[in-house]
Amino acid sequence: MTTKRLGEEGFRWFIGVVENNSDPMKLGRCQIRVINEHDDPSIQTEDLPWAFPMQNITSAAYLGTGQAPVGLLNGSHVFGFFMDGQEKQLPIIMGPYAKMTDGTNDVPQLAIGNNIIPDELIGPEPASSYAAQYPYNSVLQTQSGHSVEIDDTPSQERMRVYHTSGTYVEINSDGRIVIKSVDNSYEIVAGDKTLYVTGDCNIQVQGDCNITSDGETQITTGSGVVLDAGCGVNIINSGNITTDGNMSSGSGATGSFTSSTGKIITVQNGIVTSIY
């Protein structure tokens, strides 16, 4: 550097295009072709200077703490300045800017009112509440299609975290939350868990449903219990079955069971035929 203080020779700013975002030092640097500086086609990409990205003050950028300075793509247009002034070998990227590329808006489509995420509904899954209007929807969109939306569209406030596989979480303006997993889902709780529902609770399983408890399993209801089994009920019990109330069977029930007093009760077509 011919000067020790930035700006003594004039503040040299630039506009450039990222040509290589694969930094061998993995510091987020990019090789950029500065407009009006590297226009000569004989200047190869490997000859371009490495530019450091300027990070937000909310990112420590120190000792592995902070936000990774990645995200610029080859082809991104950036604005910056040279720390070494006239020598122009130490470029700093202050940030990218969006434009129209081949007639296409560089801003994420979700942010400008275009819901590019398809509704592939399963079972009772409701359709997305997407109703975003520009410029209210703050969107983070990645190359593969992952997205995070924080939407402040008036009366349509919404949040959605979407994985390109189709798994997502969405909260609409009423506070309704939809959680969808297109593959296996696991929830691990190392302590206690309480589920409190003020309305109805519906559980629908297309496959088998298994409930396993190492302790006592108790079902308490303020109303009746209906067990509707299309293929019969099989109770495997190593102890006694006790009832404090009356027990009745349908008109077609046939079989026998042992009461808590040791009596064997036989039922034929819903009628008790013997007790001994």
C-alpha atoms as a PDB file:
ATOM      1  CA  MET A   1       0.000   0.000   0.000  1.00  0.00           C
ATOM      2  CA  THR A   2       1.216   3.478  -0.797  1.00  0.00           C
ATOM      3  CA  THR A   3      -0.797   4.972   2.066  1.00  0.00           C
ATOM      4  CA  LYS A   4      -1.518   3.957   5.653  1.00  0.00           C
ATOM      5  CA  ARG A   5      -4.941   5.561   5.830  1.00  0.00           C
ATOM      6  CA  LEU A   6      -7.938   4.612   3.739  1.00  0.00           C
ATOM      7  CA  GLY A   7      -9.106   7.507   1.583  1.00  0.00           C
ATOM      8  CA  GLU A   8      -5.897   9.565   1.572  1.00  0.00           C
ATOM      9  CA  GLU A   9      -5.603   8.896  -2.141  1.00  0.00           C
ATOM     10  CA  GLY A  10      -9.338   9.077  -2.712  1.00  0.00           C
ATOM     11  CA  PHE A  11     -12.038   6.545  -1.927  1.00  0.00           C
ATOM     12  CA  ARG A  12     -11.938   3.926  -4.673  1.00  0.00           C
ATOM     13  CA  TRP A  13     -15.291   2.154  -4.904  1.00  0.00           C
ATOM     14  CA  PHE A  14     -16.328  -0.392  -7.511  1.00  0.00           C
ATOM     15  CA  ILE A  15     -19.122  -2.476  -9.004  1.00  0.00           C
ATOM     16  CA  GLY A  16     -18.198  -5.998  -9.964  1.00  0.00           C
ATOM     17  CA  VAL A  17     -19.409  -9.495 -10.773  1.00  0.00           C
ATOM     18  CA  VAL A  18     -18.534 -12.602  -8.773  1.00  0.00           C
ATOM     19  CA  GLU A  19     -16.702 -15.157 -10.909  1.00  0.00           C
ATOM     20  CA  ASN A  20     -15.491 -17.581  -8.237  1.00  0.00           C
ATOM     21  CA  ASN A  21     -17.107 -18.070  -4.838  1.00  0.00           C
ATOM     22  CA  SER A  22     -15.114 -21.173  -3.895  1.00  0.00           C
ATOM     23  CA  ASP A  23     -12.603 -19.731  -1.437  1.00  0.00           C
ATOM     24  CA  PRO A  24      -9.774 -22.203  -0.695  1.00  0.00           C
ATOM     25  CA  MET A  25      -9.394 -20.564   2.745  1.00  0.00           C
ATOM     26  CA  LYS A  26     -13.176 -20.863   3.355  1.00  0.00           C
ATOM     27  CA  LEU A  27     -13.407 -17.276   4.625  1.00  0.00           C
ATOM     28  CA  GLY A  28     -16.231 -16.268   2.316  1.00  0.00           C
ATOM     29  CA  ARG A  29     -13.932 -14.487  -0.135  1.00  0.00           C
ATOM     30  CA  CYS A  30     -14.849 -14.226  -3.812  1.00  0.00           C
ATOM     31  CA  GLN A  31     -12.892 -13.459  -6.927  1.00  0.00           C
ATOM     32  CA  ILE A  32     -14.669 -10.590  -8.634  1.00  0.00           C
ATOM     33  CA  ARG A  33     -14.338  -8.974 -12.028  1.00  0.00           C
ATOM     34  CA  VAL A  34     -14.512  -5.243 -11.399  1.00  0.00           C
ATOM     35  CA  ILE A  35     -16.256  -3.292 -14.141  1.00  0.00           C
ATOM     36  CA  ASN A  36     -13.898  -0.873 -15.918  1.00  0.00           C
ATOM     37  CA  GLU A  37     -10.915  -2.508 -14.176  1.00  0.00           C
ATOM     38  CA  HIS A  38     -10.899  -6.090 -15.432  1.00  0.00           C
ATOM     39  CA  ASP A  39     -12.755  -5.706 -18.727  1.00  0.00           C
ATOM     40  CA  ASP A  40      -9.814  -7.119 -20.693  1.00  0.00           C
ATOM     41  CA  PRO A  41     -10.863 -10.696 -21.670  1.00  0.00           C
ATOM     42  CA  SER A  42      -7.237 -11.805 -21.385  1.00  0.00           C
ATOM     43  CA  ILE A  43      -7.521 -11.444 -17.593  1.00  0.00           C
ATOM     44  CA  GLN A  44      -8.399 -14.931 -16.377  1.00  0.00           C
ATOM     45  CA  THR A  45     -10.579 -15.663 -13.348  1.00  0.00           C
ATOM     46  CA  GLU A  46      -7.604 -17.064 -11.420  1.00  0.00           C
ATOM     47  CA  ASP A  47      -5.837 -13.717 -11.881  1.00  0.00           C
ATOM     48  CA  LEU A  48      -8.643 -11.700 -10.263  1.00  0.00           C
ATOM     49  CA  PRO A  49      -8.126 -10.425  -6.694  1.00  0.00           C
ATOM     50  CA  TRP A  50      -9.847 -12.111  -3.750  1.00  0.00           C
ATOM     51  CA  ALA A  51     -12.416  -9.840  -2.125  1.00  0.00           C
ATOM     52  CA  PHE A  52     -13.420 -10.116   1.541  1.00  0.00           C
ATOM     53  CA  PRO A  53     -17.145  -9.747   2.294  1.00  0.00           C
ATOM     54  CA  MET A  54     -18.169  -7.134   4.838  1.00  0.00           C
ATOM     55  CA  GLN A  55     -20.408  -8.714   7.496  1.00  0.00           C
ATOM     56  CA  ASN A  56     -23.257  -7.386   9.604  1.00  0.00           C
ATOM     57  CA  ILE A  57     -22.428  -6.101  13.089  1.00  0.00           C
ATOM     58  CA  THR A  58     -24.733  -8.794  14.527  1.00  0.00           C
ATOM     59  CA  SER A  59     -22.210 -11.403  13.384  1.00  0.00           C
ATOM     60  CA  ALA A  60     -19.077 -11.735  15.538  1.00  0.00           C
ATOM     61  CA  ALA A  61     -16.946 -13.119  12.682  1.00  0.00           C
ATOM     62  CA  TYR A  62     -14.465 -14.276  15.303  1.00  0.00           C
ATOM     63  CA  LEU A  63     -13.342 -17.658  16.615  1.00  0.00           C
ATOM     64  CA  GLY A  64     -16.044 -19.578  14.770  1.00  0.00           C
ATOM     65  CA  THR A  65     -18.869 -17.436  16.139  1.00  0.00           C
ATOM     66  CA  GLY A  66     -21.348 -15.564  13.982  1.00  0.00           C
ATOM     67  CA  GLN A  67     -23.043 -16.021  10.628  1.00  0.00           C
ATOM     68  CA  ALA A  68     -21.122 -17.781   7.858  1.00  0.00           C
ATOM     69  CA  PRO A  69     -20.228 -15.187   5.172  1.00  0.00           C
ATOM     70  CA  VAL A  70     -21.516 -17.337   2.314  1.00  0.00           C
ATOM     71  CA  GLY A  71     -24.412 -16.823  -0.061  1.00  0.00           C
ATOM     72  CA  LEU A  72     -22.969 -14.926  -3.015  1.00  0.00           C
ATOM     73  CA  LEU A  73     -23.250 -16.856  -6.267  1.00  0.00           C
ATOM     74  CA  ASN A  74     -21.113 -16.781  -9.342  1.00  0.00           C
ATOM     75  CA  GLY A  75     -22.847 -14.054 -11.327  1.00  0.00           C
ATOM     76  CA  SER A  76     -23.903 -11.971  -8.338  1.00  0.00           C
ATOM     77  CA  HIS A  77     -23.394  -8.226  -8.817  1.00  0.00           C
ATOM     78  CA  VAL A  78     -21.684  -6.564  -5.876  1.00  0.00           C
ATOM     79  CA  PHE A  79     -20.711  -3.121  -4.641  1.00  0.00           C
ATOM     80  CA  GLY A  80     -17.523  -2.452  -2.691  1.00  0.00           C
ATOM     81  CA  PHE A  81     -14.316  -0.500  -2.310  1.00  0.00           C
ATOM     82  CA  PHE A  82     -10.536  -0.986  -2.371  1.00  0.00           C
ATOM     83  CA  MET A  83      -8.822  -0.775   1.003  1.00  0.00           C
ATOM     84  CA  ASP A  84      -5.494  -0.023  -0.702  1.00  0.00           C
ATOM     85  CA  GLY A  85      -6.832   2.822  -2.812  1.00  0.00           C
ATOM     86  CA  GLN A  86      -5.063   3.248  -6.132  1.00  0.00           C
ATOM     87  CA  GLU A  87      -3.284  -0.111  -5.931  1.00  0.00           C
ATOM     88  CA  LYS A  88      -6.675  -1.839  -6.111  1.00  0.00           C
ATOM     89  CA  GLN A  89      -5.516  -5.227  -4.810  1.00  0.00           C
ATOM     90  CA  LEU A  90      -7.503  -5.409  -1.539  1.00  0.00           C
ATOM     91  CA  PRO A  91     -11.198  -5.286  -2.465  1.00  0.00           C
ATOM     92  CA  ILE A  92     -13.942  -5.367   0.161  1.00  0.00           C
ATOM     93  CA  ILE A  93     -17.473  -6.420  -0.803  1.00  0.00           C
ATOM     94  CA  MET A  94     -20.038  -4.259   0.970  1.00  0.00           C
ATOM     95  CA  GLY A  95     -22.949  -6.220  -0.459  1.00  0.00           C
ATOM     96  CA  PRO A  96     -24.785  -7.465  -3.547  1.00  0.00           C
ATOM     97  CA  TYR A  97     -27.673  -5.795  -5.323  1.00  0.00           C
ATOM     98  CA  ALA A  98     -30.627  -7.306  -7.184  1.00  0.00           C
ATOM     99  CA  LYS A  99     -31.365  -6.625 -10.820  1.00  0.00           C
ATOM    100  CA  MET A 100     -33.270  -8.076 -13.753  1.00  0.00           C
ATOM    101  CA  THR A 101     -31.424 -11.054 -15.229  1.00  0.00           C
ATOM    102  CA  ASP A 102     -32.666 -12.006 -18.701  1.00  0.00           C
ATOM    103  CA  GLY A 103     -36.004 -10.425 -17.832  1.00  0.00           C
ATOM    104  CA  THR A 104     -36.298 -12.289 -14.527  1.00  0.00           C
ATOM    105  CA  ASN A 105     -36.398 -10.493 -11.190  1.00  0.00           C
ATOM    106  CA  ASP A 106     -33.456 -11.500  -8.969  1.00  0.00           C
ATOM    107  CA  VAL A 107     -35.548 -10.976  -5.818  1.00  0.00           C
ATOM    108  CA  PRO A 108     -37.001 -14.281  -4.455  1.00  0.00           C
ATOM    109  CA  GLN A 109     -40.379 -14.968  -6.041  1.00  0.00           C
ATOM    110  CA  LEU A 110     -41.969 -15.565  -2.634  1.00  0.00           C
ATOM    111  CA  ALA A 111     -41.132 -11.966  -1.730  1.00  0.00           C
ATOM    112  CA  ILE A 112     -42.819 -10.401  -4.753  1.00  0.00           C
ATOM    113  CA  GLY A 113     -46.159 -12.181  -4.446  1.00  0.00           C
ATOM    114  CA  ASN A 114     -45.516 -15.432  -6.334  1.00  0.00           C
ATOM    115  CA  ASN A 115     -46.025 -18.587  -4.267  1.00  0.00           C
ATOM    116  CA  ILE A 116     -43.705 -21.052  -5.977  1.00  0.00           C
ATOM    117  CA  ILE A 117     -44.215 -23.712  -3.294  1.00  0.00           C
ATOM    118  CA  PRO A 118     -46.805 -26.254  -4.481  1.00  0.00           C
ATOM    119  CA  ASP A 119     -49.658 -27.406  -2.240  1.00  0.00           C
ATOM    120  CA  GLU A 120     -49.340 -31.208  -2.274  1.00  0.00           C
ATOM    121  CA  LEU A 121     -51.920 -31.825   0.431  1.00  0.00           C
ATOM    122  CA  ILE A 122     -52.142 -35.024   2.450  1.00  0.00           C
ATOM    123  CA  GLY A 123     -55.202 -36.076   4.475  1.00  0.00           C
ATOM    124  CA  PRO A 124     -56.715 -33.159   6.431  1.00  0.00           C
ATOM    125  CA  GLU A 125     -53.773 -30.832   5.647  1.00  0.00           C
ATOM    126  CA  PRO A 126     -55.102 -27.317   4.867  1.00  0.00           C
ATOM    127  CA  ALA A 127     -53.818 -25.285   1.940  1.00  0.00           C
ATOM    128  CA  SER A 128     -51.117 -22.711   2.615  1.00  0.00           C
ATOM    129  CA  SER A 129     -52.245 -19.303   3.875  1.00  0.00           C
ATOM    130  CA  TYR A 130     -49.784 -17.570   1.515  1.00  0.00           C
ATOM    131  CA  ALA A 131     -51.131 -14.168   0.447  1.00  0.00           C
ATOM    132  CA  ALA A 132     -47.899 -12.165   0.439  1.00  0.00           C
ATOM    133  CA  GLN A 133     -47.683  -8.736  -1.135  1.00  0.00           C
ATOM    134  CA  TYR A 134     -44.508  -6.839  -2.010  1.00  0.00           C
ATOM    135  CA  PRO A 135     -42.709  -5.370  -0.076  1.00  0.00           C
ATOM    136  CA  TYR A 136     -43.964  -6.994   3.146  1.00  0.00           C
ATOM    137  CA  ASN A 137     -42.605 -10.551   2.866  1.00  0.00           C
ATOM    138  CA  SER A 138     -39.009 -10.893   4.136  1.00  0.00           C
ATOM    139  CA  VAL A 139     -37.637 -14.035   2.501  1.00  0.00           C
ATOM    140  CA  LEU A 140     -34.454 -16.065   2.797  1.00  0.00           C
ATOM    141  CA  GLN A 141     -34.196 -18.342  -0.251  1.00  0.00           C
ATOM    142  CA  THR A 142     -31.361 -20.802  -0.922  1.00  0.00           C
ATOM    143  CA  GLN A 143     -30.109 -22.366  -4.135  1.00  0.00           C
ATOM    144  CA  SER A 144     -31.770 -25.734  -3.558  1.00  0.00           C
ATOM    145  CA  GLY A 145     -35.144 -24.228  -2.701  1.00  0.00           C
ATOM    146  CA  HIS A 146     -35.142 -24.008   1.104  1.00  0.00           C
ATOM    147  CA  SER A 147     -36.912 -20.869   2.281  1.00  0.00           C
ATOM    148  CA  VAL A 148     -37.752 -18.905   5.404  1.00  0.00           C
ATOM    149  CA  GLU A 149     -40.574 -16.362   5.217  1.00  0.00           C
ATOM    150  CA  ILE A 150     -41.496 -13.680   7.734  1.00  0.00           C
ATOM    151  CA  ASP A 151     -44.519 -12.081   6.130  1.00  0.00           C
ATOM    152  CA  ASP A 152     -45.945  -8.775   7.397  1.00  0.00           C
ATOM    153  CA  THR A 153     -48.584  -8.396   4.682  1.00  0.00           C
ATOM    154  CA  PRO A 154     -51.436  -6.481   6.402  1.00  0.00           C
ATOM    155  CA  SER A 155     -54.121  -8.861   7.752  1.00  0.00           C
ATOM    156  CA  GLN A 156     -52.175 -11.802   6.268  1.00  0.00           C
ATOM    157  CA  GLU A 157     -49.225 -11.921   8.669  1.00  0.00           C
ATOM    158  CA  ARG A 158     -47.584 -15.324   8.399  1.00  0.00           C
ATOM    159  CA  MET A 159     -44.394 -17.303   8.978  1.00  0.00           C
ATOM    160  CA  ARG A 160     -43.169 -20.373   7.104  1.00  0.00           C
ATOM    161  CA  VAL A 161     -40.027 -22.492   7.198  1.00  0.00           C
ATOM    162  CA  TYR A 162     -39.916 -24.775   4.166  1.00  0.00           C
ATOM    163  CA  HIS A 163     -37.556 -27.616   3.236  1.00  0.00           C
ATOM    164  CA  THR A 164     -37.202 -28.422  -0.446  1.00  0.00           C
ATOM    165  CA  SER A 165     -38.370 -32.002   0.249  1.00  0.00           C
ATOM    166  CA  GLY A 166     -41.831 -30.646   1.102  1.00  0.00           C
ATOM    167  CA  THR A 167     -41.489 -30.702   4.892  1.00  0.00           C
ATOM    168  CA  TYR A 168     -42.525 -27.374   6.459  1.00  0.00           C
ATOM    169  CA  VAL A 169     -43.899 -25.430   9.396  1.00  0.00           C
ATOM    170  CA  GLU A 170     -46.374 -22.598   8.767  1.00  0.00           C
ATOM    171  CA  ILE A 171     -48.132 -20.188  11.139  1.00  0.00           C
ATOM    172  CA  ASN A 172     -50.942 -18.121   9.650  1.00  0.00           C
ATOM    173  CA  SER A 173     -52.440 -14.780  10.677  1.00  0.00           C
ATOM    174  CA  ASP A 174     -54.877 -16.452  13.104  1.00  0.00           C
ATOM    175  CA  GLY A 175     -52.069 -18.300  14.874  1.00  0.00           C
ATOM    176  CA  ARG A 176     -52.956 -21.648  13.299  1.00  0.00           C
ATOM    177  CA  ILE A 177     -49.873 -23.830  12.953  1.00  0.00           C
ATOM    178  CA  VAL A 178     -49.357 -26.600  10.413  1.00  0.00           C
ATOM    179  CA  ILE A 179     -46.402 -28.980  10.774  1.00  0.00           C
ATOM    180  CA  LYS A 180     -45.816 -31.418   7.937  1.00  0.00           C
ATOM    181  CA  SER A 181     -43.154 -34.087   7.549  1.00  0.00           C
ATOM    182  CA  VAL A 182     -42.966 -35.955   4.245  1.00  0.00           C
ATOM    183  CA  ASP A 183     -40.810 -38.661   5.850  1.00  0.00           C
ATOM    184  CA  ASN A 184     -40.369 -40.171   9.309  1.00  0.00           C
ATOM    185  CA  SER A 185     -40.730 -37.791  12.263  1.00  0.00           C
ATOM    186  CA  TYR A 186     -39.269 -38.164  15.746  1.00  0.00           C
ATOM    187  CA  GLU A 187     -39.914 -36.134  18.890  1.00  0.00           C
ATOM    188  CA  ILE A 188     -37.689 -36.922  21.854  1.00  0.00           C
ATOM    189  CA  VAL A 189     -38.568 -35.527  25.299  1.00  0.00           C
ATOM    190  CA  ALA A 190     -36.077 -36.288  28.079  1.00  0.00           C
ATOM    191  CA  GLY A 191     -38.425 -34.967  30.794  1.00  0.00           C
ATOM    192  CA  ASP A 192     -42.183 -34.732  31.253  1.00  0.00           C
ATOM    193  CA  LYS A 193     -44.555 -33.557  28.545  1.00  0.00           C
ATOM    194  CA  THR A 194     -48.059 -32.123  28.799  1.00  0.00           C
ATOM    195  CA  LEU A 195     -50.457 -31.801  25.866  1.00  0.00           C
ATOM    196  CA  TYR A 196     -53.435 -29.530  26.603  1.00  0.00           C
ATOM    197  CA  VAL A 197     -56.230 -29.205  24.044  1.00  0.00           C
ATOM    198  CA  THR A 198     -59.222 -26.921  24.653  1.00  0.00           C
ATOM    199  CA  GLY A 199     -61.171 -28.335  21.705  1.00  0.00           C
ATOM    200  CA  ASP A 200     -61.469 -31.762  20.122  1.00  0.00           C
ATOM    201  CA  CYS A 201     -58.435 -33.970  19.536  1.00  0.00           C
ATOM    202  CA  ASN A 202     -58.345 -36.227  16.495  1.00  0.00           C
ATOM    203  CA  ILE A 203     -55.662 -38.805  15.743  1.00  0.00           C
ATOM    204  CA  GLN A 204     -55.828 -40.585  12.396  1.00  0.00           C
ATOM    205  CA  VAL A 205     -53.329 -43.322  11.500  1.00  0.00           C
ATOM    206  CA  GLN A 206     -53.383 -45.183   8.185  1.00  0.00           C
ATOM    207  CA  GLY A 207     -51.010 -47.877   9.434  1.00  0.00           C
ATOM    208  CA  ASP A 208     -50.694 -49.654  12.787  1.00  0.00           C
ATOM    209  CA  CYS A 209     -50.799 -47.618  15.997  1.00  0.00           C
ATOM    210  CA  ASN A 210     -48.779 -48.742  19.012  1.00  0.00           C
ATOM    211  CA  ILE A 211     -48.763 -47.210  22.493  1.00  0.00           C
ATOM    212  CA  THR A 212     -46.140 -48.562  24.892  1.00  0.00           C
ATOM    213  CA  SER A 213     -45.743 -47.513  28.514  1.00  0.00           C
ATOM    214  CA  ASP A 214     -43.270 -48.825  31.080  1.00  0.00           C
ATOM    215  CA  GLY A 215     -45.557 -47.532  33.817  1.00  0.00           C
ATOM    216  CA  GLU A 216     -49.293 -47.505  34.451  1.00  0.00           C
ATOM    217  CA  THR A 217     -51.513 -46.442  31.566  1.00  0.00           C
ATOM    218  CA  GLN A 218     -54.682 -44.641  32.620  1.00  0.00           C
ATOM    219  CA  ILE A 219     -57.539 -43.306  30.513  1.00  0.00           C
ATOM    220  CA  THR A 220     -59.953 -40.952  32.260  1.00  0.00           C
ATOM    221  CA  THR A 221     -63.026 -39.475  30.600  1.00  0.00           C
ATOM    222  CA  GLY A 222     -65.929 -37.407  31.837  1.00  0.00           C
ATOM    223  CA  SER A 223     -68.229 -39.067  29.326  1.00  0.00           C
ATOM    224  CA  GLY A 224     -68.443 -42.514  27.721  1.00  0.00           C
ATOM    225  CA  VAL A 225     -65.832 -44.598  25.945  1.00  0.00           C
ATOM    226  CA  VAL A 226     -66.615 -46.161  22.571  1.00  0.00           C
ATOM    227  CA  LEU A 227     -64.342 -48.888  21.194  1.00  0.00           C
ATOM    228  CA  ASP A 228     -65.221 -49.696  17.604  1.00  0.00           C
ATOM    229  CA  ALA A 229     -63.151 -52.574  16.250  1.00  0.00           C
ATOM    230  CA  GLY A 230     -64.027 -53.932  12.830  1.00  0.00           C
ATOM    231  CA  CYS A 231     -61.991 -57.120  13.263  1.00  0.00           C
ATOM    232  CA  GLY A 232     -62.594 -57.946  16.912  1.00  0.00           C
ATOM    233  CA  VAL A 233     -60.874 -57.111  20.175  1.00  0.00           C
ATOM    234  CA  ASN A 234     -58.122 -59.240  21.686  1.00  0.00           C
ATOM    235  CA  ILE A 235     -57.231 -58.541  25.317  1.00  0.00           C
ATOM    236  CA  ILE A 236     -54.039 -60.186  26.554  1.00  0.00           C
ATOM    237  CA  ASN A 237     -54.032 -59.929  30.332  1.00  0.00           C
ATOM    238  CA  SER A 238     -51.945 -61.737  32.948  1.00  0.00           C
ATOM    239  CA  GLY A 239     -54.079 -60.365  35.810  1.00  0.00           C
ATOM    240  CA  ASN A 240     -57.725 -59.672  36.491  1.00  0.00           C
ATOM    241  CA  ILE A 241     -60.207 -57.562  34.579  1.00  0.00           C
ATOM    242  CA  THR A 242     -62.440 -55.638  36.979  1.00  0.00           C
ATOM    243  CA  THR A 243     -65.510 -53.521  36.291  1.00  0.00           C
ATOM    244  CA  ASP A 244     -67.306 -51.372  38.880  1.00  0.00           C
ATOM    245  CA  GLY A 245     -70.432 -50.994  36.758  1.00  0.00           C
ATOM    246  CA  ASN A 246     -72.669 -53.065  34.551  1.00  0.00           C
ATOM    247  CA  MET A 247     -71.336 -54.828  31.463  1.00  0.00           C
ATOM    248  CA  SER A 248     -73.498 -55.541  28.446  1.00  0.00           C
ATOM    249  CA  SER A 249     -72.826 -56.934  24.998  1.00  0.00           C
ATOM    250  CA  GLY A 250     -74.323 -56.551  21.583  1.00  0.00           C
ATOM    251  CA  SER A 251     -76.900 -58.952  20.183  1.00  0.00           C
ATOM    252  CA  GLY A 252     -74.276 -60.966  18.305  1.00  0.00           C
ATOM    253  CA  ALA A 253     -71.627 -61.267  21.025  1.00  0.00           C
ATOM    254  CA  THR A 254     -70.446 -64.793  21.847  1.00  0.00           C
ATOM    255  CA  GLY A 255     -67.714 -65.929  24.235  1.00  0.00           C
ATOM    256  CA  SER A 256     -66.766 -66.181  27.887  1.00  0.00           C
ATOM    257  CA  PHE A 257     -64.798 -64.279  30.516  1.00  0.00           C
ATOM    258  CA  THR A 258     -63.897 -64.657  34.180  1.00  0.00           C
ATOM    259  CA  SER A 259     -65.203 -62.115  36.674  1.00  0.00           C
ATOM    260  CA  SER A 260     -63.226 -60.671  39.595  1.00  0.00           C
ATOM    261  CA  THR A 261     -64.958 -63.214  41.891  1.00  0.00           C
ATOM    262  CA  GLY A 262     -63.667 -66.110  39.829  1.00  0.00           C
ATOM    263  CA  LYS A 263     -66.966 -66.822  38.075  1.00  0.00           C
ATOM    264  CA  ILE A 264     -66.848 -67.867  34.428  1.00  0.00           C
ATOM    265  CA  ILE A 265     -69.508 -66.047  32.436  1.00  0.00           C
ATOM    266  CA  THR A 266     -70.553 -67.394  29.074  1.00  0.00           C
ATOM    267  CA  VAL A 267     -72.325 -65.227  26.478  1.00  0.00           C
ATOM    268  CA  GLN A 268     -74.126 -66.636  23.434  1.00  0.00           C
ATOM    269  CA  ASN A 269     -75.463 -64.170  20.837  1.00  0.00           C
ATOM    270  CA  GLY A 270     -75.487 -61.381  23.416  1.00  0.00           C
ATOM    271  CA  ILE A 271     -77.285 -63.441  26.082  1.00  0.00           C
ATOM    272  CA  VAL A 272     -75.595 -64.721  29.259  1.00  0.00           C
ATOM    273  CA  THR A 273     -76.156 -68.472  29.120  1.00  0.00           C
ATOM    274  CA  SER A 274     -74.245 -69.590  32.183  1.00  0.00           C
ATOM    275  CA  ILE A 275     -72.397 -68.422  35.250  1.00  0.00           C
ATOM    276  CA  TYR A 276     -70.361 -70.920  37.287  1.00  0.00           C
END
